[in-house]
All heavy atoms as atom14 arrays in JSON, in Angstrom:
{
  "sequence": "MLPFSGVFFPLYVVPEPYRDWLMYFPLIDAVEFFHHGYFGPQMPTY",
  "atom14_mask": [
    [1, 1, 1, 1, 1, 1, 1, 1, 0, 0, 0, 0, 0, 0],
    [1, 1, 1, 1, 1, 1, 1, 1, 0, 0, 0, 0, 0, 0],
    [1, 1, 1, 1, 1, 1, 1, 0, 0, 0, 0, 0, 0, 0],
    [1, 1, 1, 1, 1, 1, 1, 1, 1, 1, 1, 0, 0, 0],
    [1, 1, 1, 1, 1, 1, 0, 0, 0, 0, 0, 0, 0, 0],
    [1, 1, 1, 1, 0, 0, 0, 0, 0, 0, 0, 0, 0, 0],
    [1, 1, 1, 1, 1, 1, 1, 0, 0, 0, 0, 0, 0, 0],
    [1, 1, 1, 1, 1, 1, 1, 1, 1, 1, 1, 0, 0, 0],
    [1, 1, 1, 1, 1, 1, 1, 1, 1, 1, 1, 0, 0, 0],
    [1, 1, 1, 1, 1, 1, 1, 0, 0, 0, 0, 0, 0, 0],
    [1, 1, 1, 1, 1, 1, 1, 1, 0, 0, 0, 0, 0, 0],
    [1, 1, 1, 1, 1, 1, 1, 1, 1, 1, 1, 1, 0, 0],
    [1, 1, 1, 1, 1, 1, 1, 0, 0, 0, 0, 0, 0, 0],
    [1, 1, 1, 1, 1, 1, 1, 0, 0, 0, 0, 0, 0, 0],
    [1, 1, 1, 1, 1, 1, 1, 0, 0, 0, 0, 0, 0, 0],
    [1, 1, 1, 1, 1, 1, 1, 1, 1, 0, 0, 0, 0, 0],
    [1, 1, 1, 1, 1, 1, 1, 0, 0, 0, 0, 0, 0, 0],
    [1, 1, 1, 1, 1, 1, 1, 1, 1, 1, 1, 1, 0, 0],
    [1, 1, 1, 1, 1, 1, 1, 1, 1, 1, 1, 0, 0, 0],
    [1, 1, 1, 1, 1, 1, 1, 1, 0, 0, 0, 0, 0, 0],
    [1, 1, 1, 1, 1, 1, 1, 1, 1, 1, 1, 1, 1, 1],
    [1, 1, 1, 1, 1, 1, 1, 1, 0, 0, 0, 0, 0, 0],
    [1, 1, 1, 1, 1, 1, 1, 1, 0, 0, 0, 0, 0, 0],
    [1, 1, 1, 1, 1, 1, 1, 1, 1, 1, 1, 1, 0, 0],
    [1, 1, 1, 1, 1, 1, 1, 1, 1, 1, 1, 0, 0, 0],
    [1, 1, 1, 1, 1, 1, 1, 0, 0, 0, 0, 0, 0, 0],
    [1, 1, 1, 1, 1, 1, 1, 1, 0, 0, 0, 0, 0, 0],
    [1, 1, 1, 1, 1, 1, 1, 1, 0, 0, 0, 0, 0, 0],
    [1, 1, 1, 1, 1, 1, 1, 1, 0, 0, 0, 0, 0, 0],
    [1, 1, 1, 1, 1, 0, 0, 0, 0, 0, 0, 0, 0, 0],
    [1, 1, 1, 1, 1, 1, 1, 0, 0, 0, 0, 0, 0, 0],
    [1, 1, 1, 1, 1, 1, 1, 1, 1, 0, 0, 0, 0, 0],
    [1, 1, 1, 1, 1, 1, 1, 1, 1, 1, 1, 0, 0, 0],
    [1, 1, 1, 1, 1, 1, 1, 1, 1, 1, 1, 0, 0, 0],
    [1, 1, 1, 1, 1, 1, 1, 1, 1, 1, 0, 0, 0, 0],
    [1, 1, 1, 1, 1, 1, 1, 1, 1, 1, 0, 0, 0, 0],
    [1, 1, 1, 1, 0, 0, 0, 0, 0, 0, 0, 0, 0, 0],
    [1, 1, 1, 1, 1, 1, 1, 1, 1, 1, 1, 1, 0, 0],
    [1, 1, 1, 1, 1, 1, 1, 1, 1, 1, 1, 0, 0, 0],
    [1, 1, 1, 1, 0, 0, 0, 0, 0, 0, 0, 0, 0, 0],
    [1, 1, 1, 1, 1, 1, 1, 0, 0, 0, 0, 0, 0, 0],
    [1, 1, 1, 1, 1, 1, 1, 1, 1, 0, 0, 0, 0, 0],
    [1, 1, 1, 1, 1, 1, 1, 1, 0, 0, 0, 0, 0, 0],
    [1, 1, 1, 1, 1, 1, 1, 0, 0, 0, 0, 0, 0, 0],
    [1, 1, 1, 1, 1, 1, 1, 0, 0, 0, 0, 0, 0, 0],
    [1, 1, 1, 1, 1, 1, 1, 1, 1, 1, 1, 1, 0, 0]
  ],
  "atom14_positions": [
    [[4.11, -82.87, -6.29], [2.71, -82.69, -6.66], [1.8, -82.42, -5.47], [0.69, -81.9, -5.64], [2.2, -83.94, -7.4], [2.63, -84.01, -8.85], [2.04, -85.53, -9.64], [0.26, -85.37, -9.46], [0.0, 0.0, 0.0], [0.0, 0.0, 0.0], [0.0, 0.0, 0.0], [0.0, 0.0, 0.0], [0.0, 0.0, 0.0], [0.0, 0.0, 0.0]],
    [[2.24, -82.78, -4.28], [1.38, -82.66, -3.09], [0.82, -81.25, -2.89], [-0.38, -81.1, -2.63], [2.15, -83.12, -1.85], [2.39, -84.62, -1.72], [3.25, -84.92, -0.5], [1.08, -85.37, -1.66], [0.0, 0.0, 0.0], [0.0, 0.0, 0.0], [0.0, 0.0, 0.0], [0.0, 0.0, 0.0], [0.0, 0.0, 0.0], [0.0, 0.0, 0.0]],
    [[1.65, -80.18, -2.99], [1.08, -78.84, -2.78], [0.08, -78.43, -3.87], [-0.67, -77.47, -3.67], [2.32, -77.92, -2.81], [3.48, -78.83, -2.6], [3.1, -80.12, -3.21], [0.0, 0.0, 0.0], [0.0, 0.0, 0.0], [0.0, 0.0, 0.0], [0.0, 0.0, 0.0], [0.0, 0.0, 0.0], [0.0, 0.0, 0.0], [0.0, 0.0, 0.0]],
    [[0.09, -79.13, -5.0], [-0.77, -78.75, -6.12], [-1.89, -79.77, -6.35], [-2.46, -79.85, -7.43], [0.07, -78.62, -7.4], [1.29, -77.77, -7.22], [2.55, -78.34, -7.1], [1.18, -76.39, -7.15], [3.68, -77.56, -6.92], [2.31, -75.6, -6.98], [3.56, -76.18, -6.86], [0.0, 0.0, 0.0], [0.0, 0.0, 0.0], [0.0, 0.0, 0.0]],
    [[-2.21, -80.54, -5.32], [-3.21, -81.59, -5.46], [-4.56, -81.25, -4.85], [-5.52, -81.98, -5.03], [-2.68, -82.88, -4.81], [-2.48, -82.68, -3.42], [0.0, 0.0, 0.0], [0.0, 0.0, 0.0], [0.0, 0.0, 0.0], [0.0, 0.0, 0.0], [0.0, 0.0, 0.0], [0.0, 0.0, 0.0], [0.0, 0.0, 0.0], [0.0, 0.0, 0.0]],
    [[-4.64, -80.15, -4.1], [-5.88, -79.8, -3.44], [-6.16, -80.62, -2.21], [-7.25, -80.53, -1.64], [0.0, 0.0, 0.0], [0.0, 0.0, 0.0], [0.0, 0.0, 0.0], [0.0, 0.0, 0.0], [0.0, 0.0, 0.0], [0.0, 0.0, 0.0], [0.0, 0.0, 0.0], [0.0, 0.0, 0.0], [0.0, 0.0, 0.0], [0.0, 0.0, 0.0]],
    [[-5.2, -81.42, -1.78], [-5.42, -82.32, -0.65], [-5.32, -81.6, 0.69], [-6.14, -81.81, 1.59], [-4.41, -83.49, -0.69], [-4.43, -84.29, 0.6], [-4.71, -84.39, -1.88], [0.0, 0.0, 0.0], [0.0, 0.0, 0.0], [0.0, 0.0, 0.0], [0.0, 0.0, 0.0], [0.0, 0.0, 0.0], [0.0, 0.0, 0.0], [0.0, 0.0, 0.0]],
    [[-4.34, -80.7, 0.84], [-4.11, -80.08, 2.13], [-4.7, -78.67, 2.24], [-4.85, -78.17, 3.35], [-2.6, -80.02, 2.4], [-1.98, -81.38, 2.54], [-1.25, -81.94, 1.51], [-2.16, -82.12, 3.7], [-0.69, -83.21, 1.64], [-1.61, -83.38, 3.84], [-0.87, -83.93, 2.81], [0.0, 0.0, 0.0], [0.0, 0.0, 0.0], [0.0, 0.0, 0.0]],
    [[-5.01, -78.05, 1.13], [-5.67, -76.75, 1.21], [-6.55, -76.54, -0.02], [-6.18, -76.95, -1.13], [-4.65, -75.6, 1.32], [-3.68, -75.53, 0.18], [-4.0, -74.83, -0.98], [-2.45, -76.15, 0.25], [-3.11, -74.75, -2.04], [-1.55, -76.09, -0.8], [-1.88, -75.38, -1.93], [0.0, 0.0, 0.0], [0.0, 0.0, 0.0], [0.0, 0.0, 0.0]],
    [[-7.72, -75.92, 0.15], [-8.62, -75.66, -0.98], [-8.18, -74.42, -1.75], [-7.4, -73.6, -1.24], [-9.98, -75.45, -0.31], [-9.63, -74.9, 1.04], [-8.32, -75.54, 1.44], [0.0, 0.0, 0.0], [0.0, 0.0, 0.0], [0.0, 0.0, 0.0], [0.0, 0.0, 0.0], [0.0, 0.0, 0.0], [0.0, 0.0, 0.0], [0.0, 0.0, 0.0]],
    [[-8.71, -74.28, -2.95], [-8.28, -73.16, -3.8], [-8.73, -71.8, -3.28], [-8.1, -70.79, -3.6], [-8.83, -73.37, -5.22], [-7.97, -74.18, -6.18], [-8.61, -74.22, -7.57], [-6.56, -73.64, -6.28], [0.0, 0.0, 0.0], [0.0, 0.0, 0.0], [0.0, 0.0, 0.0], [0.0, 0.0, 0.0], [0.0, 0.0, 0.0], [0.0, 0.0, 0.0]],
    [[-9.79, -71.75, -2.49], [-10.29, -70.44, -2.08], [-9.29, -69.71, -1.17], [-9.36, -68.47, -1.04], [-11.66, -70.57, -1.39], [-11.61, -70.98, 0.06], [-11.46, -70.03, 1.08], [-11.75, -72.31, 0.43], [-11.43, -70.41, 2.4], [-11.73, -72.7, 1.74], [-11.57, -71.74, 2.73], [-11.54, -72.12, 4.05], [0.0, 0.0, 0.0], [0.0, 0.0, 0.0]],
    [[-8.36, -70.44, -0.56], [-7.37, -69.79, 0.31], [-6.18, -69.27, -0.49], [-5.33, -68.56, 0.06], [-6.87, -70.76, 1.41], [-8.03, -71.31, 2.22], [-6.05, -71.9, 0.81], [0.0, 0.0, 0.0], [0.0, 0.0, 0.0], [0.0, 0.0, 0.0], [0.0, 0.0, 0.0], [0.0, 0.0, 0.0], [0.0, 0.0, 0.0], [0.0, 0.0, 0.0]],
    [[-6.11, -69.59, -1.78], [-4.99, -69.17, -2.62], [-5.34, -67.82, -3.26], [-6.37, -67.69, -3.92], [-4.69, -70.2, -3.73], [-3.52, -69.74, -4.59], [-4.41, -71.56, -3.11], [0.0, 0.0, 0.0], [0.0, 0.0, 0.0], [0.0, 0.0, 0.0], [0.0, 0.0, 0.0], [0.0, 0.0, 0.0], [0.0, 0.0, 0.0], [0.0, 0.0, 0.0]],
    [[-4.5, -66.8, -3.08], [-4.8, -65.48, -3.66], [-4.6, -65.47, -5.17], [-3.89, -66.32, -5.73], [-3.8, -64.56, -2.96], [-2.65, -65.45, -2.6], [-3.25, -66.8, -2.29], [0.0, 0.0, 0.0], [0.0, 0.0, 0.0], [0.0, 0.0, 0.0], [0.0, 0.0, 0.0], [0.0, 0.0, 0.0], [0.0, 0.0, 0.0], [0.0, 0.0, 0.0]],
    [[-5.22, -64.5, -5.81], [-4.99, -64.28, -7.24], [-3.61, -63.63, -7.43], [-3.15, -62.91, -6.54], [-6.08, -63.38, -7.81], [-7.48, -63.95, -7.72], [-7.71, -65.1, -8.71], [-6.76, -65.46, -9.43], [-8.81, -65.64, -8.73], [0.0, 0.0, 0.0], [0.0, 0.0, 0.0], [0.0, 0.0, 0.0], [0.0, 0.0, 0.0], [0.0, 0.0, 0.0]],
    [[-2.93, -63.87, -8.54], [-3.33, -64.66, -9.7], [-2.96, -66.15, -9.6], [-3.17, -66.9, -10.51], [-2.55, -64.01, -10.84], [-1.26, -63.6, -10.18], [-1.64, -63.18, -8.78], [0.0, 0.0, 0.0], [0.0, 0.0, 0.0], [0.0, 0.0, 0.0], [0.0, 0.0, 0.0], [0.0, 0.0, 0.0], [0.0, 0.0, 0.0], [0.0, 0.0, 0.0]],
    [[-2.41, -66.55, -8.42], [-1.91, -67.92, -8.29], [-3.05, -68.94, -8.38], [-2.84, -70.05, -8.86], [-1.17, -68.07, -6.97], [-0.11, -67.0, -6.76], [-0.29, -65.99, -5.81], [1.05, -66.98, -7.54], [0.67, -65.0, -5.63], [2.01, -66.0, -7.36], [1.81, -65.0, -6.42], [2.75, -64.03, -6.26], [0.0, 0.0, 0.0], [0.0, 0.0, 0.0]],
    [[-4.23, -68.54, -7.94], [-5.37, -69.45, -8.03], [-5.67, -69.8, -9.48], [-5.89, -70.98, -9.82], [-6.6, -68.83, -7.38], [-7.84, -69.75, -7.4], [-9.09, -68.96, -7.03], [-8.94, -68.43, -5.69], [-9.61, -67.35, -5.25], [-10.41, -66.69, -6.07], [-9.46, -66.92, -4.02], [0.0, 0.0, 0.0], [0.0, 0.0, 0.0], [0.0, 0.0, 0.0]],
    [[-5.67, -68.8, -10.35], [-5.93, -69.06, -11.77], [-4.85, -69.94, -12.38], [-5.14, -70.79, -13.23], [-6.02, -67.73, -12.53], [-7.3, -66.98, -12.24], [-8.28, -67.63, -11.8], [-7.34, -65.75, -12.43], [0.0, 0.0, 0.0], [0.0, 0.0, 0.0], [0.0, 0.0, 0.0], [0.0, 0.0, 0.0], [0.0, 0.0, 0.0], [0.0, 0.0, 0.0]],
    [[-3.62, -69.75, -11.94], [-2.54, -70.59, -12.47], [-2.73, -72.05, -12.06], [-2.53, -72.96, -12.87], [-1.19, -70.08, -11.94], [-0.84, -68.69, -12.4], [-1.5, -67.93, -13.34], [0.24, -67.89, -11.93], [-0.91, -66.7, -13.48], [0.18, -66.63, -12.64], [1.25, -68.05, -11.0], [1.08, -65.6, -12.42], [2.17, -67.04, -10.79], [2.08, -65.83, -11.51]],
    [[-3.11, -72.26, -10.81], [-3.31, -73.63, -10.32], [-4.46, -74.33, -11.04], [-4.45, -75.55, -11.2], [-3.59, -73.62, -8.82], [-2.41, -73.32, -7.9], [-2.86, -73.23, -6.45], [-1.33, -74.39, -8.05], [0.0, 0.0, 0.0], [0.0, 0.0, 0.0], [0.0, 0.0, 0.0], [0.0, 0.0, 0.0], [0.0, 0.0, 0.0], [0.0, 0.0, 0.0]],
    [[-5.43, -73.56, -11.51], [-6.59, -74.16, -12.16], [-6.27, -74.73, -13.54], [-7.1, -75.4, -14.14], [-7.73, -73.15, -12.25], [-8.36, -72.82, -10.91], [-9.56, -71.47, -10.97], [-10.85, -72.24, -11.93], [0.0, 0.0, 0.0], [0.0, 0.0, 0.0], [0.0, 0.0, 0.0], [0.0, 0.0, 0.0], [0.0, 0.0, 0.0], [0.0, 0.0, 0.0]],
    [[-5.05, -74.5, -14.02], [-4.63, -75.14, -15.26], [-4.22, -76.6, -15.03], [-4.04, -77.35, -15.98], [-3.45, -74.38, -15.89], [-3.87, -73.1, -16.57], [-3.59, -71.86, -16.0], [-4.54, -73.13, -17.79], [-3.96, -70.68, -16.62], [-4.92, -71.95, -18.42], [-4.63, -70.73, -17.83], [-5.02, -69.56, -18.46], [0.0, 0.0, 0.0], [0.0, 0.0, 0.0]],
    [[-4.06, -76.97, -13.76], [-3.69, -78.35, -13.42], [-4.97, -79.16, -13.26], [-5.77, -78.89, -12.37], [-2.88, -78.35, -12.13], [-2.27, -79.69, -11.79], [-1.81, -80.54, -12.78], [-2.14, -80.09, -10.47], [-1.25, -81.77, -12.47], [-1.57, -81.3, -10.15], [-1.13, -82.14, -11.15], [0.0, 0.0, 0.0], [0.0, 0.0, 0.0], [0.0, 0.0, 0.0]],
    [[-5.22, -80.16, -14.11], [-6.51, -80.86, -14.08], [-6.8, -81.59, -12.78], [-7.96, -81.77, -12.42], [-6.4, -81.85, -15.26], [-4.93, -82.02, -15.5], [-4.32, -80.71, -15.15], [0.0, 0.0, 0.0], [0.0, 0.0, 0.0], [0.0, 0.0, 0.0], [0.0, 0.0, 0.0], [0.0, 0.0, 0.0], [0.0, 0.0, 0.0], [0.0, 0.0, 0.0]],
    [[-5.76, -82.03, -12.06], [-6.0, -82.75, -10.81], [-6.7, -81.86, -9.79], [-7.69, -82.26, -9.17], [-4.69, -83.27, -10.23], [-4.79, -83.9, -8.83], [-5.75, -85.08, -8.83], [-3.42, -84.32, -8.32], [0.0, 0.0, 0.0], [0.0, 0.0, 0.0], [0.0, 0.0, 0.0], [0.0, 0.0, 0.0], [0.0, 0.0, 0.0], [0.0, 0.0, 0.0]],
    [[-6.19, -80.64, -9.6], [-6.78, -79.76, -8.6], [-8.18, -79.33, -9.02], [-9.06, -79.12, -8.18], [-5.86, -78.55, -8.31], [-6.2, -77.96, -6.94], [-5.95, -77.49, -9.4], [-5.16, -77.0, -6.42], [0.0, 0.0, 0.0], [0.0, 0.0, 0.0], [0.0, 0.0, 0.0], [0.0, 0.0, 0.0], [0.0, 0.0, 0.0], [0.0, 0.0, 0.0]],
    [[-8.42, -79.22, -10.33], [-9.77, -78.94, -10.81], [-10.72, -80.09, -10.45], [-11.85, -79.86, -9.99], [-9.77, -78.76, -12.33], [-9.57, -77.31, -12.74], [-9.12, -76.53, -11.88], [-9.84, -76.96, -13.89], [0.0, 0.0, 0.0], [0.0, 0.0, 0.0], [0.0, 0.0, 0.0], [0.0, 0.0, 0.0], [0.0, 0.0, 0.0], [0.0, 0.0, 0.0]],
    [[-10.27, -81.32, -10.66], [-11.1, -82.49, -10.34], [-11.38, -82.57, -8.85], [-12.51, -82.87, -8.43], [-10.41, -83.76, -10.83], [0.0, 0.0, 0.0], [0.0, 0.0, 0.0], [0.0, 0.0, 0.0], [0.0, 0.0, 0.0], [0.0, 0.0, 0.0], [0.0, 0.0, 0.0], [0.0, 0.0, 0.0], [0.0, 0.0, 0.0], [0.0, 0.0, 0.0]],
    [[-10.36, -82.3, -8.03], [-10.54, -82.33, -6.58], [-11.49, -81.24, -6.13], [-12.33, -81.44, -5.25], [-9.18, -82.22, -5.86], [-9.38, -82.07, -4.35], [-8.31, -83.43, -6.16], [0.0, 0.0, 0.0], [0.0, 0.0, 0.0], [0.0, 0.0, 0.0], [0.0, 0.0, 0.0], [0.0, 0.0, 0.0], [0.0, 0.0, 0.0], [0.0, 0.0, 0.0]],
    [[-11.39, -80.06, -6.73], [-12.3, -78.97, -6.39], [-13.74, -79.31, -6.75], [-14.67, -78.99, -6.0], [-11.87, -77.69, -7.1], [-10.71, -76.97, -6.45], [-11.09, -76.29, -5.15], [-11.91, -75.35, -5.19], [-10.58, -76.7, -4.1], [0.0, 0.0, 0.0], [0.0, 0.0, 0.0], [0.0, 0.0, 0.0], [0.0, 0.0, 0.0], [0.0, 0.0, 0.0]],
    [[-13.95, -79.96, -7.89], [-15.3, -80.37, -8.26], [-15.81, -81.44, -7.3], [-17.0, -81.46, -6.94], [-15.32, -80.9, -9.7], [-16.69, -81.16, -10.23], [-17.59, -80.12, -10.43], [-17.11, -82.45, -10.52], [-18.87, -80.35, -10.92], [-18.37, -82.71, -11.02], [-19.27, -81.65, -11.21], [0.0, 0.0, 0.0], [0.0, 0.0, 0.0], [0.0, 0.0, 0.0]],
    [[-14.93, -82.32, -6.87], [-15.26, -83.31, -5.86], [-15.66, -82.62, -4.56], [-16.65, -83.0, -3.91], [-14.04, -84.22, -5.65], [-14.18, -85.24, -4.57], [-15.12, -86.26, -4.66], [-13.34, -85.21, -3.46], [-15.23, -87.23, -3.66], [-13.43, -86.17, -2.47], [-14.38, -87.17, -2.58], [0.0, 0.0, 0.0], [0.0, 0.0, 0.0], [0.0, 0.0, 0.0]],
    [[-14.92, -81.59, -4.16], [-15.27, -80.8, -2.99], [-16.61, -80.1, -3.17], [-17.4, -80.01, -2.21], [-14.18, -79.74, -2.73], [-12.92, -80.31, -2.19], [-11.72, -79.62, -2.22], [-12.64, -81.51, -1.6], [-10.78, -80.36, -1.67], [-11.31, -81.51, -1.3], [0.0, 0.0, 0.0], [0.0, 0.0, 0.0], [0.0, 0.0, 0.0], [0.0, 0.0, 0.0]],
    [[-16.86, -79.61, -4.37], [-18.13, -78.96, -4.64], [-19.3, -79.92, -4.4], [-20.32, -79.53, -3.84], [-18.15, -78.46, -6.09], [-19.45, -77.88, -6.51], [-19.97, -76.72, -5.98], [-20.38, -78.32, -7.42], [-21.15, -76.45, -6.54], [-21.41, -77.41, -7.41], [0.0, 0.0, 0.0], [0.0, 0.0, 0.0], [0.0, 0.0, 0.0], [0.0, 0.0, 0.0]],
    [[-19.12, -81.17, -4.81], [-20.17, -82.15, -4.6], [-20.36, -82.5, -3.13], [-21.48, -82.77, -2.7], [0.0, 0.0, 0.0], [0.0, 0.0, 0.0], [0.0, 0.0, 0.0], [0.0, 0.0, 0.0], [0.0, 0.0, 0.0], [0.0, 0.0, 0.0], [0.0, 0.0, 0.0], [0.0, 0.0, 0.0], [0.0, 0.0, 0.0], [0.0, 0.0, 0.0]],
    [[-19.26, -82.48, -2.37], [-19.37, -82.83, -0.95], [-19.8, -81.64, -0.09], [-20.78, -81.73, 0.67], [-18.03, -83.36, -0.44], [-18.04, -83.6, 1.07], [-18.67, -84.72, 1.59], [-17.44, -82.7, 1.94], [-18.7, -84.94, 2.97], [-17.47, -82.9, 3.32], [-18.1, -84.02, 3.82], [-18.14, -84.21, 5.19], [0.0, 0.0, 0.0], [0.0, 0.0, 0.0]],
    [[-19.09, -80.52, -0.19], [-19.36, -79.38, 0.69], [-20.53, -78.52, 0.21], [-21.2, -77.89, 1.03], [-18.11, -78.5, 0.82], [-16.98, -79.15, 1.56], [-15.85, -79.59, 0.89], [-17.04, -79.31, 2.93], [-14.8, -80.18, 1.57], [-15.99, -79.91, 3.63], [-14.87, -80.35, 2.94], [0.0, 0.0, 0.0], [0.0, 0.0, 0.0], [0.0, 0.0, 0.0]],
    [[-20.75, -78.47, -1.11], [-21.81, -77.62, -1.62], [-21.53, -76.15, -1.33], [-20.38, -75.69, -1.45], [0.0, 0.0, 0.0], [0.0, 0.0, 0.0], [0.0, 0.0, 0.0], [0.0, 0.0, 0.0], [0.0, 0.0, 0.0], [0.0, 0.0, 0.0], [0.0, 0.0, 0.0], [0.0, 0.0, 0.0], [0.0, 0.0, 0.0], [0.0, 0.0, 0.0]],
    [[-22.54, -75.39, -0.91], [-22.34, -73.96, -0.63], [-21.56, -73.69, 0.65], [-21.24, -72.54, 0.95], [-23.78, -73.43, -0.5], [-24.6, -74.63, -0.1], [-23.95, -75.8, -0.77], [0.0, 0.0, 0.0], [0.0, 0.0, 0.0], [0.0, 0.0, 0.0], [0.0, 0.0, 0.0], [0.0, 0.0, 0.0], [0.0, 0.0, 0.0], [0.0, 0.0, 0.0]],
    [[-21.23, -74.75, 1.4], [-20.49, -74.57, 2.64], [-19.08, -74.06, 2.41], [-18.5, -73.38, 3.26], [-20.45, -75.9, 3.41], [-19.88, -75.79, 4.82], [-19.84, -77.13, 5.53], [-20.09, -78.18, 4.93], [-19.54, -77.11, 6.83], [0.0, 0.0, 0.0], [0.0, 0.0, 0.0], [0.0, 0.0, 0.0], [0.0, 0.0, 0.0], [0.0, 0.0, 0.0]],
    [[-18.51, -74.36, 1.22], [-17.14, -73.94, 0.92], [-17.05, -73.46, -0.52], [-17.54, -74.14, -1.43], [-16.16, -75.1, 1.13], [-14.7, -74.69, 1.01], [-13.55, -76.08, 1.29], [-13.69, -76.93, -0.28], [0.0, 0.0, 0.0], [0.0, 0.0, 0.0], [0.0, 0.0, 0.0], [0.0, 0.0, 0.0], [0.0, 0.0, 0.0], [0.0, 0.0, 0.0]],
    [[-16.44, -72.31, -0.77], [-16.25, -71.85, -2.16], [-15.33, -72.79, -2.92], [-14.31, -73.23, -2.4], [-15.6, -70.47, -2.0], [-15.84, -70.08, -0.58], [-15.92, -71.35, 0.21], [0.0, 0.0, 0.0], [0.0, 0.0, 0.0], [0.0, 0.0, 0.0], [0.0, 0.0, 0.0], [0.0, 0.0, 0.0], [0.0, 0.0, 0.0], [0.0, 0.0, 0.0]],
    [[-15.7, -73.12, -4.15], [-14.88, -74.0, -4.98], [-14.68, -73.38, -6.35], [-15.53, -72.62, -6.83], [-15.52, -75.39, -5.13], [-16.89, -75.25, -5.53], [-15.48, -76.16, -3.83], [0.0, 0.0, 0.0], [0.0, 0.0, 0.0], [0.0, 0.0, 0.0], [0.0, 0.0, 0.0], [0.0, 0.0, 0.0], [0.0, 0.0, 0.0], [0.0, 0.0, 0.0]],
    [[-13.55, -73.71, -6.97], [-13.19, -73.14, -8.27], [-12.73, -74.27, -9.19], [-11.86, -75.06, -8.82], [-12.08, -72.11, -8.12], [-12.44, -70.95, -7.23], [-12.27, -71.04, -5.85], [-12.97, -69.78, -7.76], [-12.61, -69.99, -5.02], [-13.31, -68.71, -6.94], [-13.14, -68.82, -5.57], [-13.48, -67.77, -4.75], [0.0, 0.0, 0.0], [0.0, 0.0, 0.0]]
  ]
}
């Protein structure tokens, strides 16, 4: 699960269509929203 947890790399570095596939995993979605709250416009989040 570690590579799909959003812990070591954010989704914006993942190319399409793999990014869309990863977004079906609720954990990485939750982590990305958490990142959105922390980084704001400083980092793209999905």
